[in-house]
Amino acid sequence: MDNKLYSFEKLNEIAQGDDAFVKELVITFIDTVSEEIGNIQRLMGVGDWKAIGGIAHKLASNYAYMNAESLYTLAANIEKGIQKSCDLTEITAMTRQMCTDSLVLIDELRKNIYDK
């Protein structure tokens, strides 16, 4: 069940090998991240970077549980960049990349979880 974008290693540890529980956790991840990516896209339209930073913080822990290291790094860097009032051009680019990569991850997870 491993892939380049993610791994179920941490989820399997939490679930102690219970595949049904892992599936529930993945479905919760998909639902949560889908909703938050939609929120980020809406907030980008109004320039609410403080709120985006808060969502990036929340998403970072979700990405960590999925061993989605590149997304974890993007979320952490977005949060730090916003806190430090860094260049919005760079933060915007990272945020768009996180949204795009998150949607790819969600698509792969859906295929994986519903093929079982």
PDB file of N, CA and C in Angstrom:
ATOM      1  N   MET A   1       0.803  -1.198   0.000  1.00  0.00           N
ATOM      2  CA  MET A   1       0.000   0.000   0.000  1.00  0.00           C
ATOM      3  C   MET A   1       0.849   1.268   0.000  1.00  0.00           C
ATOM      4  N   ASP A   2       2.138   1.131  -0.123  1.00  0.00           N
ATOM      5  CA  ASP A   2       3.001   2.309  -0.089  1.00  0.00           C
ATOM      6  C   ASP A   2       3.111   2.937  -1.469  1.00  0.00           C
ATOM      7  N   ASN A   3       3.421   4.220  -1.493  1.00  0.00           N
ATOM      8  CA  ASN A   3       3.533   4.992  -2.712  1.00  0.00           C
ATOM      9  C   ASN A   3       4.548   6.088  -2.469  1.00  0.00           C
ATOM     10  N   LYS A   4       5.008   6.728  -3.537  1.00  0.00           N
ATOM     11  CA  LYS A   4       5.977   7.811  -3.394  1.00  0.00           C
ATOM     12  C   LYS A   4       5.410   8.992  -2.605  1.00  0.00           C
ATOM     13  N   LEU A   5       4.133   9.316  -2.815  1.00  0.00           N
ATOM     14  CA  LEU A   5       3.539  10.489  -2.180  1.00  0.00           C
ATOM     15  C   LEU A   5       3.164  10.262  -0.728  1.00  0.00           C
ATOM     16  N   TYR A   6       2.955   9.028  -0.335  1.00  0.00           N
ATOM     17  CA  TYR A   6       2.471   8.755   1.018  1.00  0.00           C
ATOM     18  C   TYR A   6       2.829   7.335   1.424  1.00  0.00           C
ATOM     19  N   SER A   7       2.612   7.067   2.687  1.00  0.00           N
ATOM     20  CA  SER A   7       2.797   5.725   3.232  1.00  0.00           C
ATOM     21  C   SER A   7       1.789   5.539   4.353  1.00  0.00           C
ATOM     22  N   PHE A   8       1.310   4.334   4.511  1.00  0.00           N
ATOM     23  CA  PHE A   8       0.376   4.035   5.594  1.00  0.00           C
ATOM     24  C   PHE A   8       1.107   3.536   6.842  1.00  0.00           C
ATOM     25  N   GLU A   9       2.426   3.656   6.861  1.00  0.00           N
ATOM     26  CA  GLU A   9       3.213   3.129   7.977  1.00  0.00           C
ATOM     27  C   GLU A   9       2.735   3.647   9.327  1.00  0.00           C
ATOM     28  N   LYS A  10       2.613   4.962   9.469  1.00  0.00           N
ATOM     29  CA  LYS A  10       2.171   5.529  10.752  1.00  0.00           C
ATOM     30  C   LYS A  10       0.733   5.159  11.066  1.00  0.00           C
ATOM     31  N   LEU A  11      -0.118   5.152  10.045  1.00  0.00           N
ATOM     32  CA  LEU A  11      -1.511   4.771  10.264  1.00  0.00           C
ATOM     33  C   LEU A  11      -1.624   3.319  10.714  1.00  0.00           C
ATOM     34  N   ASN A  12      -0.808   2.444  10.125  1.00  0.00           N
ATOM     35  CA  ASN A  12      -0.810   1.038  10.532  1.00  0.00           C
ATOM     36  C   ASN A  12      -0.357   0.877  11.977  1.00  0.00           C
ATOM     37  N   GLU A  13       0.607   1.710  12.396  1.00  0.00           N
ATOM     38  CA  GLU A  13       1.037   1.673  13.796  1.00  0.00           C
ATOM     39  C   GLU A  13      -0.106   2.087  14.715  1.00  0.00           C
ATOM     40  N   ILE A  14      -0.776   3.169  14.360  1.00  0.00           N
ATOM     41  CA  ILE A  14      -1.901   3.659  15.166  1.00  0.00           C
ATOM     42  C   ILE A  14      -3.011   2.615  15.215  1.00  0.00           C
ATOM     43  N   ALA A  15      -3.305   2.028  14.067  1.00  0.00           N
ATOM     44  CA  ALA A  15      -4.409   1.071  13.955  1.00  0.00           C
ATOM     45  C   ALA A  15      -4.021  -0.332  14.383  1.00  0.00           C
ATOM     46  N   GLN A  16      -2.772  -0.534  14.692  1.00  0.00           N
ATOM     47  CA  GLN A  16      -2.258  -1.840  15.108  1.00  0.00           C
ATOM     48  C   GLN A  16      -2.654  -2.940  14.130  1.00  0.00           C
ATOM     49  N   GLY A  17      -2.512  -2.616  12.838  1.00  0.00           N
ATOM     50  CA  GLY A  17      -2.763  -3.604  11.802  1.00  0.00           C
ATOM     51  C   GLY A  17      -4.224  -3.803  11.422  1.00  0.00           C
ATOM     52  N   ASP A  18      -5.133  -3.038  12.006  1.00  0.00           N
ATOM     53  CA  ASP A  18      -6.564  -3.153  11.695  1.00  0.00           C
ATOM     54  C   ASP A  18      -6.844  -2.401  10.386  1.00  0.00           C
ATOM     55  N   ASP A  19      -6.951  -3.145   9.288  1.00  0.00           N
ATOM     56  CA  ASP A  19      -7.139  -2.541   7.965  1.00  0.00           C
ATOM     57  C   ASP A  19      -8.414  -1.703   7.863  1.00  0.00           C
ATOM     58  N   ALA A  20      -9.477  -2.129   8.529  1.00  0.00           N
ATOM     59  CA  ALA A  20     -10.729  -1.364   8.492  1.00  0.00           C
ATOM     60  C   ALA A  20     -10.540  -0.001   9.163  1.00  0.00           C
ATOM     61  N   PHE A  21      -9.779   0.026  10.249  1.00  0.00           N
ATOM     62  CA  PHE A  21      -9.525   1.288  10.935  1.00  0.00           C
ATOM     63  C   PHE A  21      -8.626   2.190  10.089  1.00  0.00           C
ATOM     64  N   VAL A  22      -7.643   1.607   9.429  1.00  0.00           N
ATOM     65  CA  VAL A  22      -6.788   2.383   8.522  1.00  0.00           C
ATOM     66  C   VAL A  22      -7.646   3.011   7.436  1.00  0.00           C
ATOM     67  N   LYS A  23      -8.572   2.238   6.889  1.00  0.00           N
ATOM     68  CA  LYS A  23      -9.464   2.763   5.846  1.00  0.00           C
ATOM     69  C   LYS A  23     -10.279   3.938   6.383  1.00  0.00           C
ATOM     70  N   GLU A  24     -10.800   3.827   7.604  1.00  0.00           N
ATOM     71  CA  GLU A  24     -11.544   4.925   8.219  1.00  0.00           C
ATOM     72  C   GLU A  24     -10.671   6.170   8.366  1.00  0.00           C
ATOM     73  N   LEU A  25      -9.434   5.974   8.793  1.00  0.00           N
ATOM     74  CA  LEU A  25      -8.511   7.098   8.957  1.00  0.00           C
ATOM     75  C   LEU A  25      -8.221   7.774   7.621  1.00  0.00           C
ATOM     76  N   VAL A  26      -8.050   6.981   6.582  1.00  0.00           N
ATOM     77  CA  VAL A  26      -7.772   7.533   5.254  1.00  0.00           C
ATOM     78  C   VAL A  26      -8.986   8.305   4.738  1.00  0.00           C
ATOM     79  N   ILE A  27     -10.166   7.769   4.949  1.00  0.00           N
ATOM     80  CA  ILE A  27     -11.380   8.465   4.516  1.00  0.00           C
ATOM     81  C   ILE A  27     -11.514   9.794   5.263  1.00  0.00           C
ATOM     82  N   THR A  28     -11.217   9.798   6.552  1.00  0.00           N
ATOM     83  CA  THR A  28     -11.243  11.038   7.329  1.00  0.00           C
ATOM     84  C   THR A  28     -10.217  12.028   6.790  1.00  0.00           C
ATOM     85  N   PHE A  29      -9.022  11.543   6.466  1.00  0.00           N
ATOM     86  CA  PHE A  29      -7.975  12.383   5.876  1.00  0.00           C
ATOM     87  C   PHE A  29      -8.468  13.007   4.579  1.00  0.00           C
ATOM     88  N   ILE A  30      -9.027  12.194   3.705  1.00  0.00           N
ATOM     89  CA  ILE A  30      -9.522  12.678   2.410  1.00  0.00           C
ATOM     90  C   ILE A  30     -10.575  13.774   2.621  1.00  0.00           C
ATOM     91  N   ASP A  31     -11.529  13.506   3.494  1.00  0.00           N
ATOM     92  CA  ASP A  31     -12.597  14.484   3.747  1.00  0.00           C
ATOM     93  C   ASP A  31     -12.043  15.785   4.322  1.00  0.00           C
ATOM     94  N   THR A  32     -11.174  15.668   5.308  1.00  0.00           N
ATOM     95  CA  THR A  32     -10.608  16.849   5.970  1.00  0.00           C
ATOM     96  C   THR A  32      -9.766  17.677   5.015  1.00  0.00           C
ATOM     97  N   VAL A  33      -8.855  17.021   4.312  1.00  0.00           N
ATOM     98  CA  VAL A  33      -7.952  17.740   3.419  1.00  0.00           C
ATOM     99  C   VAL A  33      -8.731  18.345   2.248  1.00  0.00           C
ATOM    100  N   SER A  34      -9.698  17.621   1.711  1.00  0.00           N
ATOM    101  CA  SER A  34     -10.516  18.172   0.622  1.00  0.00           C
ATOM    102  C   SER A  34     -11.202  19.466   1.052  1.00  0.00           C
ATOM    103  N   GLU A  35     -11.802  19.440   2.232  1.00  0.00           N
ATOM    104  CA  GLU A  35     -12.486  20.627   2.740  1.00  0.00           C
ATOM    105  C   GLU A  35     -11.516  21.783   2.965  1.00  0.00           C
ATOM    106  N   GLU A  36     -10.375  21.488   3.571  1.00  0.00           N
ATOM    107  CA  GLU A  36      -9.410  22.550   3.883  1.00  0.00           C
ATOM    108  C   GLU A  36      -8.745  23.123   2.633  1.00  0.00           C
ATOM    109  N   ILE A  37      -8.521  22.303   1.625  1.00  0.00           N
ATOM    110  CA  ILE A  37      -7.970  22.821   0.366  1.00  0.00           C
ATOM    111  C   ILE A  37      -8.982  23.770  -0.271  1.00  0.00           C
ATOM    112  N   GLY A  38     -10.255  23.414  -0.227  1.00  0.00           N
ATOM    113  CA  GLY A  38     -11.295  24.316  -0.717  1.00  0.00           C
ATOM    114  C   GLY A  38     -11.305  25.634   0.047  1.00  0.00           C
ATOM    115  N   ASN A  39     -11.143  25.547   1.366  1.00  0.00           N
ATOM    116  CA  ASN A  39     -11.075  26.758   2.190  1.00  0.00           C
ATOM    117  C   ASN A  39      -9.866  27.619   1.821  1.00  0.00           C
ATOM    118  N   ILE A  40      -8.728  26.974   1.625  1.00  0.00           N
ATOM    119  CA  ILE A  40      -7.521  27.725   1.245  1.00  0.00           C
ATOM    120  C   ILE A  40      -7.736  28.436  -0.088  1.00  0.00           C
ATOM    121  N   GLN A  41      -8.291  27.742  -1.058  1.00  0.00           N
ATOM    122  CA  GLN A  41      -8.513  28.351  -2.367  1.00  0.00           C
ATOM    123  C   GLN A  41      -9.445  29.557  -2.259  1.00  0.00           C
ATOM    124  N   ARG A  42     -10.478  29.442  -1.435  1.00  0.00           N
ATOM    125  CA  ARG A  42     -11.396  30.561  -1.220  1.00  0.00           C
ATOM    126  C   ARG A  42     -10.672  31.718  -0.517  1.00  0.00           C
ATOM    127  N   LEU A  43      -9.882  31.399   0.495  1.00  0.00           N
ATOM    128  CA  LEU A  43      -9.171  32.427   1.251  1.00  0.00           C
ATOM    129  C   LEU A  43      -8.081  33.116   0.427  1.00  0.00           C
ATOM    130  N   MET A  44      -7.488  32.385  -0.508  1.00  0.00           N
ATOM    131  CA  MET A  44      -6.499  33.017  -1.395  1.00  0.00           C
ATOM    132  C   MET A  44      -7.168  34.114  -2.209  1.00  0.00           C
ATOM    133  N   GLY A  45      -8.416  33.881  -2.592  1.00  0.00           N
ATOM    134  CA  GLY A  45      -9.161  34.858  -3.382  1.00  0.00           C
ATOM    135  C   GLY A  45      -9.401  36.164  -2.654  1.00  0.00           C
ATOM    136  N   VAL A  46      -9.461  36.090  -1.321  1.00  0.00           N
ATOM    137  CA  VAL A  46      -9.688  37.311  -0.533  1.00  0.00           C
ATOM    138  C   VAL A  46      -8.430  37.765   0.197  1.00  0.00           C
ATOM    139  N   GLY A  47      -7.330  37.018   0.025  1.00  0.00           N
ATOM    140  CA  GLY A  47      -6.056  37.422   0.608  1.00  0.00           C
ATOM    141  C   GLY A  47      -5.965  37.273   2.118  1.00  0.00           C
ATOM    142  N   ASP A  48      -6.686  36.313   2.686  1.00  0.00           N
ATOM    143  CA  ASP A  48      -6.635  36.094   4.134  1.00  0.00           C
ATOM    144  C   ASP A  48      -5.506  35.118   4.471  1.00  0.00           C
ATOM    145  N   TRP A  49      -4.290  35.633   4.449  1.00  0.00           N
ATOM    146  CA  TRP A  49      -3.103  34.795   4.629  1.00  0.00           C
ATOM    147  C   TRP A  49      -2.954  34.281   6.047  1.00  0.00           C
ATOM    148  N   LYS A  50      -3.439  35.027   7.025  1.00  0.00           N
ATOM    149  CA  LYS A  50      -3.375  34.552   8.409  1.00  0.00           C
ATOM    150  C   LYS A  50      -4.200  33.272   8.560  1.00  0.00           C
ATOM    151  N   ALA A  51      -5.406  33.268   8.006  1.00  0.00           N
ATOM    152  CA  ALA A  51      -6.257  32.079   8.060  1.00  0.00           C
ATOM    153  C   ALA A  51      -5.624  30.921   7.284  1.00  0.00           C
ATOM    154  N   ILE A  52      -5.020  31.230   6.155  1.00  0.00           N
ATOM    155  CA  ILE A  52      -4.342  30.195   5.361  1.00  0.00           C
ATOM    156  C   ILE A  52      -3.202  29.584   6.173  1.00  0.00           C
ATOM    157  N   GLY A  53      -2.469  30.410   6.897  1.00  0.00           N
ATOM    158  CA  GLY A  53      -1.395  29.910   7.752  1.00  0.00           C
ATOM    159  C   GLY A  53      -1.916  28.952   8.807  1.00  0.00           C
ATOM    160  N   GLY A  54      -3.081  29.266   9.379  1.00  0.00           N
ATOM    161  CA  GLY A  54      -3.690  28.377  10.369  1.00  0.00           C
ATOM    162  C   GLY A  54      -4.095  27.042   9.768  1.00  0.00           C
ATOM    163  N   ILE A  55      -4.642  27.082   8.575  1.00  0.00           N
ATOM    164  CA  ILE A  55      -5.024  25.844   7.896  1.00  0.00           C
ATOM    165  C   ILE A  55      -3.776  25.040   7.521  1.00  0.00           C
ATOM    166  N   ALA A  56      -2.743  25.722   7.055  1.00  0.00           N
ATOM    167  CA  ALA A  56      -1.495  25.025   6.708  1.00  0.00           C
ATOM    168  C   ALA A  56      -0.938  24.307   7.932  1.00  0.00           C
ATOM    169  N   HIS A  57      -1.032  24.941   9.090  1.00  0.00           N
ATOM    170  CA  HIS A  57      -0.570  24.312  10.336  1.00  0.00           C
ATOM    171  C   HIS A  57      -1.366  23.030  10.606  1.00  0.00           C
ATOM    172  N   LYS A  58      -2.675  23.122  10.464  1.00  0.00           N
ATOM    173  CA  LYS A  58      -3.541  21.965  10.685  1.00  0.00           C
ATOM    174  C   LYS A  58      -3.236  20.845   9.687  1.00  0.00           C
ATOM    175  N   LEU A  59      -3.049  21.223   8.429  1.00  0.00           N
ATOM    176  CA  LEU A  59      -2.782  20.226   7.400  1.00  0.00           C
ATOM    177  C   LEU A  59      -1.424  19.548   7.585  1.00  0.00           C
ATOM    178  N   ALA A  60      -0.449  20.276   8.108  1.00  0.00           N
ATOM    179  CA  ALA A  60       0.889  19.697   8.290  1.00  0.00           C
ATOM    180  C   ALA A  60       0.822  18.424   9.122  1.00  0.00           C
ATOM    181  N   SER A  61       0.050  18.436  10.197  1.00  0.00           N
ATOM    182  CA  SER A  61      -0.042  17.232  11.025  1.00  0.00           C
ATOM    183  C   SER A  61      -0.756  16.100  10.282  1.00  0.00           C
ATOM    184  N   ASN A  62      -1.753  16.446   9.480  1.00  0.00           N
ATOM    185  CA  ASN A  62      -2.419  15.424   8.668  1.00  0.00           C
ATOM    186  C   ASN A  62      -1.443  14.793   7.684  1.00  0.00           C
ATOM    187  N   TYR A  63      -0.641  15.629   7.032  1.00  0.00           N
ATOM    188  CA  TYR A  63       0.349  15.118   6.082  1.00  0.00           C
ATOM    189  C   TYR A  63       1.396  14.250   6.778  1.00  0.00           C
ATOM    190  N   ALA A  64       1.762  14.620   7.994  1.00  0.00           N
ATOM    191  CA  ALA A  64       2.752  13.836   8.745  1.00  0.00           C
ATOM    192  C   ALA A  64       2.238  12.420   9.001  1.00  0.00           C
ATOM    193  N   TYR A  65       0.962  12.292   9.365  1.00  0.00           N
ATOM    194  CA  TYR A  65       0.394  10.958   9.609  1.00  0.00           C
ATOM    195  C   TYR A  65       0.368  10.099   8.360  1.00  0.00           C
ATOM    196  N   MET A  66       0.319  10.734   7.194  1.00  0.00           N
ATOM    197  CA  MET A  66       0.309   9.986   5.938  1.00  0.00           C
ATOM    198  C   MET A  66       1.714   9.816   5.363  1.00  0.00           C
ATOM    199  N   ASN A  67       2.722  10.276   6.097  1.00  0.00           N
ATOM    200  CA  ASN A  67       4.108  10.257   5.611  1.00  0.00           C
ATOM    201  C   ASN A  67       4.230  10.950   4.257  1.00  0.00           C
ATOM    202  N   ALA A  68       3.418  11.974   4.052  1.00  0.00           N
ATOM    203  CA  ALA A  68       3.463  12.775   2.827  1.00  0.00           C
ATOM    204  C   ALA A  68       4.455  13.908   3.073  1.00  0.00           C
ATOM    205  N   GLU A  69       5.729  13.557   3.012  1.00  0.00           N
ATOM    206  CA  GLU A  69       6.795  14.466   3.439  1.00  0.00           C
ATOM    207  C   GLU A  69       6.856  15.761   2.641  1.00  0.00           C
ATOM    208  N   SER A  70       6.672  15.684   1.323  1.00  0.00           N
ATOM    209  CA  SER A  70       6.770  16.903   0.522  1.00  0.00           C
ATOM    210  C   SER A  70       5.624  17.861   0.865  1.00  0.00           C
ATOM    211  N   LEU A  71       4.437  17.315   1.109  1.00  0.00           N
ATOM    212  CA  LEU A  71       3.311  18.161   1.486  1.00  0.00           C
ATOM    213  C   LEU A  71       3.476  18.715   2.897  1.00  0.00           C
ATOM    214  N   TYR A  72       4.017  17.897   3.794  1.00  0.00           N
ATOM    215  CA  TYR A  72       4.294  18.375   5.151  1.00  0.00           C
ATOM    216  C   TYR A  72       5.245  19.568   5.094  1.00  0.00           C
ATOM    217  N   THR A  73       6.297  19.438   4.302  1.00  0.00           N
ATOM    218  CA  THR A  73       7.287  20.514   4.181  1.00  0.00           C
ATOM    219  C   THR A  73       6.662  21.772   3.599  1.00  0.00           C
ATOM    220  N   LEU A  74       5.855  21.621   2.554  1.00  0.00           N
ATOM    221  CA  LEU A  74       5.177  22.778   1.975  1.00  0.00           C
ATOM    222  C   LEU A  74       4.285  23.465   3.004  1.00  0.00           C
ATOM    223  N   ALA A  75       3.474  22.692   3.713  1.00  0.00           N
ATOM    224  CA  ALA A  75       2.566  23.275   4.707  1.00  0.00           C
ATOM    225  C   ALA A  75       3.344  24.001   5.803  1.00  0.00           C
ATOM    226  N   ALA A  76       4.408  23.386   6.286  1.00  0.00           N
ATOM    227  CA  ALA A  76       5.218  24.012   7.338  1.00  0.00           C
ATOM    228  C   ALA A  76       5.871  25.292   6.825  1.00  0.00           C
ATOM    229  N   ASN A  77       6.369  25.265   5.603  1.00  0.00           N
ATOM    230  CA  ASN A  77       7.013  26.455   5.029  1.00  0.00           C
ATOM    231  C   ASN A  77       6.006  27.576   4.766  1.00  0.00           C
ATOM    232  N   ILE A  78       4.808  27.220   4.372  1.00  0.00           N
ATOM    233  CA  ILE A  78       3.757  28.226   4.176  1.00  0.00           C
ATOM    234  C   ILE A  78       3.444  28.893   5.512  1.00  0.00           C
ATOM    235  N   GLU A  79       3.234  28.068   6.522  1.00  0.00           N
ATOM    236  CA  GLU A  79       2.931  28.617   7.849  1.00  0.00           C
ATOM    237  C   GLU A  79       4.051  29.542   8.343  1.00  0.00           C
ATOM    238  N   LYS A  80       5.292  29.084   8.239  1.00  0.00           N
ATOM    239  CA  LYS A  80       6.429  29.904   8.686  1.00  0.00           C
ATOM    240  C   LYS A  80       6.555  31.178   7.868  1.00  0.00           C
ATOM    241  N   GLY A  81       6.379  31.058   6.563  1.00  0.00           N
ATOM    242  CA  GLY A  81       6.489  32.228   5.692  1.00  0.00           C
ATOM    243  C   GLY A  81       5.458  33.284   6.014  1.00  0.00           C
ATOM    244  N   ILE A  82       4.255  32.838   6.302  1.00  0.00           N
ATOM    245  CA  ILE A  82       3.187  33.775   6.652  1.00  0.00           C
ATOM    246  C   ILE A  82       3.478  34.426   8.002  1.00  0.00           C
ATOM    247  N   GLN A  83       3.932  33.629   8.959  1.00  0.00           N
ATOM    248  CA  GLN A  83       4.260  34.174  10.286  1.00  0.00           C
ATOM    249  C   GLN A  83       5.363  35.224  10.214  1.00  0.00           C
ATOM    250  N   LYS A  84       6.312  35.006   9.310  1.00  0.00           N
ATOM    251  CA  LYS A  84       7.462  35.916   9.185  1.00  0.00           C
ATOM    252  C   LYS A  84       7.234  37.006   8.146  1.00  0.00           C
ATOM    253  N   SER A  85       6.024  37.088   7.607  1.00  0.00           N
ATOM    254  CA  SER A  85       5.670  38.076   6.577  1.00  0.00           C
ATOM    255  C   SER A  85       6.641  38.046   5.404  1.00  0.00           C
ATOM    256  N   CYS A  86       6.929  36.852   4.919  1.00  0.00           N
ATOM    257  CA  CYS A  86       7.818  36.685   3.774  1.00  0.00           C
ATOM    258  C   CYS A  86       7.116  37.106   2.483  1.00  0.00           C
ATOM    259  N   ASP A  87       7.859  37.031   1.399  1.00  0.00           N
ATOM    260  CA  ASP A  87       7.372  37.414   0.078  1.00  0.00           C
ATOM    261  C   ASP A  87       6.109  36.646  -0.293  1.00  0.00           C
ATOM    262  N   LEU A  88       5.028  37.366  -0.537  1.00  0.00           N
ATOM    263  CA  LEU A  88       3.749  36.732  -0.862  1.00  0.00           C
ATOM    264  C   LEU A  88       3.780  35.989  -2.189  1.00  0.00           C
ATOM    265  N   THR A  89       4.648  36.403  -3.099  1.00  0.00           N
ATOM    266  CA  THR A  89       4.753  35.696  -4.378  1.00  0.00           C
ATOM    267  C   THR A  89       5.200  34.261  -4.136  1.00  0.00           C
ATOM    268  N   GLU A  90       6.202  34.096  -3.287  1.00  0.00           N
ATOM    269  CA  GLU A  90       6.710  32.758  -2.968  1.00  0.00           C
ATOM    270  C   GLU A  90       5.681  31.957  -2.166  1.00  0.00           C
ATOM    271  N   ILE A  91       5.049  32.594  -1.200  1.00  0.00           N
ATOM    272  CA  ILE A  91       4.033  31.918  -0.392  1.00  0.00           C
ATOM    273  C   ILE A  91       2.858  31.493  -1.268  1.00  0.00           C
ATOM    274  N   THR A  92       2.452  32.357  -2.182  1.00  0.00           N
ATOM    275  CA  THR A  92       1.357  32.029  -3.095  1.00  0.00           C
ATOM    276  C   THR A  92       1.718  30.815  -3.948  1.00  0.00           C
ATOM    277  N   ALA A  93       2.935  30.802  -4.469  1.00  0.00           N
ATOM    278  CA  ALA A  93       3.377  29.676  -5.296  1.00  0.00           C
ATOM    279  C   ALA A  93       3.392  28.377  -4.486  1.00  0.00           C
ATOM    280  N   MET A  94       3.906  28.439  -3.258  1.00  0.00           N
ATOM    281  CA  MET A  94       3.933  27.244  -2.411  1.00  0.00           C
ATOM    282  C   MET A  94       2.516  26.780  -2.078  1.00  0.00           C
ATOM    283  N   THR A  95       1.631  27.728  -1.825  1.00  0.00           N
ATOM    284  CA  THR A  95       0.248  27.388  -1.482  1.00  0.00           C
ATOM    285  C   THR A  95      -0.454  26.733  -2.661  1.00  0.00           C
ATOM    286  N   ARG A  96      -0.263  27.275  -3.847  1.00  0.00           N
ATOM    287  CA  ARG A  96      -0.855  26.656  -5.046  1.00  0.00           C
ATOM    288  C   ARG A  96      -0.304  25.249  -5.260  1.00  0.00           C
ATOM    289  N   GLN A  97       1.009  25.094  -5.041  1.00  0.00           N
ATOM    290  CA  GLN A  97       1.629  23.774  -5.194  1.00  0.00           C
ATOM    291  C   GLN A  97       1.063  22.790  -4.177  1.00  0.00           C
ATOM    292  N   MET A  98       0.885  23.230  -2.936  1.00  0.00           N
ATOM    293  CA  MET A  98       0.319  22.361  -1.907  1.00  0.00           C
ATOM    294  C   MET A  98      -1.105  21.945  -2.286  1.00  0.00           C
ATOM    295  N   CYS A  99      -1.890  22.874  -2.795  1.00  0.00           N
ATOM    296  CA  CYS A  99      -3.256  22.549  -3.208  1.00  0.00           C
ATOM    297  C   CYS A  99      -3.260  21.529  -4.333  1.00  0.00           C
ATOM    298  N   THR A 100      -2.456  21.761  -5.345  1.00  0.00           N
ATOM    299  CA  THR A 100      -2.375  20.844  -6.491  1.00  0.00           C
ATOM    300  C   THR A 100      -1.912  19.458  -6.055  1.00  0.00           C
ATOM    301  N   ASP A 101      -0.825  19.407  -5.279  1.00  0.00           N
ATOM    302  CA  ASP A 101      -0.289  18.121  -4.842  1.00  0.00           C
ATOM    303  C   ASP A 101      -1.252  17.397  -3.901  1.00  0.00           C
ATOM    304  N   SER A 102      -1.978  18.160  -3.094  1.00  0.00           N
ATOM    305  CA  SER A 102      -2.965  17.556  -2.196  1.00  0.00           C
ATOM    306  C   SER A 102      -4.075  16.879  -2.985  1.00  0.00           C
ATOM    307  N   LEU A 103      -4.527  17.524  -4.047  1.00  0.00           N
ATOM    308  CA  LEU A 103      -5.578  16.942  -4.870  1.00  0.00           C
ATOM    309  C   LEU A 103      -5.099  15.674  -5.575  1.00  0.00           C
ATOM    310  N   VAL A 104      -3.838  15.663  -5.987  1.00  0.00           N
ATOM    311  CA  VAL A 104      -3.252  14.453  -6.585  1.00  0.00           C
ATOM    312  C   VAL A 104      -3.210  13.336  -5.537  1.00  0.00           C
ATOM    313  N   LEU A 105      -2.769  13.671  -4.336  1.00  0.00           N
ATOM    314  CA  LEU A 105      -2.712  12.687  -3.258  1.00  0.00           C
ATOM    315  C   LEU A 105      -4.106  12.145  -2.942  1.00  0.00           C
ATOM    316  N   ILE A 106      -5.077  13.018  -2.842  1.00  0.00           N
ATOM    317  CA  ILE A 106      -6.448  12.597  -2.553  1.00  0.00           C
ATOM    318  C   ILE A 106      -6.957  11.648  -3.633  1.00  0.00           C
ATOM    319  N   ASP A 107      -6.675  11.973  -4.877  1.00  0.00           N
ATOM    320  CA  ASP A 107      -7.093  11.109  -5.984  1.00  0.00           C
ATOM    321  C   ASP A 107      -6.458   9.723  -5.863  1.00  0.00           C
ATOM    322  N   GLU A 108      -5.164   9.684  -5.558  1.00  0.00           N
ATOM    323  CA  GLU A 108      -4.476   8.399  -5.409  1.00  0.00           C
ATOM    324  C   GLU A 108      -5.015   7.613  -4.216  1.00  0.00           C
ATOM    325  N   LEU A 109      -5.287   8.306  -3.134  1.00  0.00           N
ATOM    326  CA  LEU A 109      -5.827   7.633  -1.948  1.00  0.00           C
ATOM    327  C   LEU A 109      -7.207   7.049  -2.236  1.00  0.00           C
ATOM    328  N   ARG A 110      -8.032   7.819  -2.927  1.00  0.00           N
ATOM    329  CA  ARG A 110      -9.368   7.312  -3.277  1.00  0.00           C
ATOM    330  C   ARG A 110      -9.270   6.041  -4.115  1.00  0.00           C
ATOM    331  N   LYS A 111      -8.387   6.060  -5.087  1.00  0.00           N
ATOM    332  CA  LYS A 111      -8.204   4.881  -5.939  1.00  0.00           C
ATOM    333  C   LYS A 111      -7.733   3.702  -5.088  1.00  0.00           C
ATOM    334  N   ASN A 112      -6.782   3.963  -4.208  1.00  0.00           N
ATOM    335  CA  ASN A 112      -6.207   2.898  -3.380  1.00  0.00           C
ATOM    336  C   ASN A 112      -7.221   2.360  -2.381  1.00  0.00           C
ATOM    337  N   ILE A 113      -7.897   3.223  -1.695  1.00  0.00           N
ATOM    338  CA  ILE A 113      -8.772   2.802  -0.602  1.00  0.00           C
ATOM    339  C   ILE A 113     -10.044   2.144  -1.110  1.00  0.00           C
ATOM    340  N   TYR A 114     -10.551   2.592  -2.252  1.00  0.00           N
ATOM    341  CA  TYR A 114     -11.793   2.031  -2.764  1.00  0.00           C
ATOM    342  C   TYR A 114     -11.563   0.829  -3.674  1.00  0.00           C
ATOM    343  N   ASP A 115     -10.307   0.540  -4.010  1.00  0.00           N
ATOM    344  CA  ASP A 115      -9.988  -0.666  -4.767  1.00  0.00           C
ATOM    345  C   ASP A 115      -9.891  -1.882  -3.849  1.00  0.00           C
ATOM    346  N   LYS A 116      -9.930  -1.656  -2.562  1.00  0.00           N
ATOM    347  CA  LYS A 116      -9.765  -2.742  -1.594  1.00  0.00           C
ATOM    348  C   LYS A 116     -11.081  -3.416  -1.312  1.00  0.00           C
TER     349      LYS A 116
END
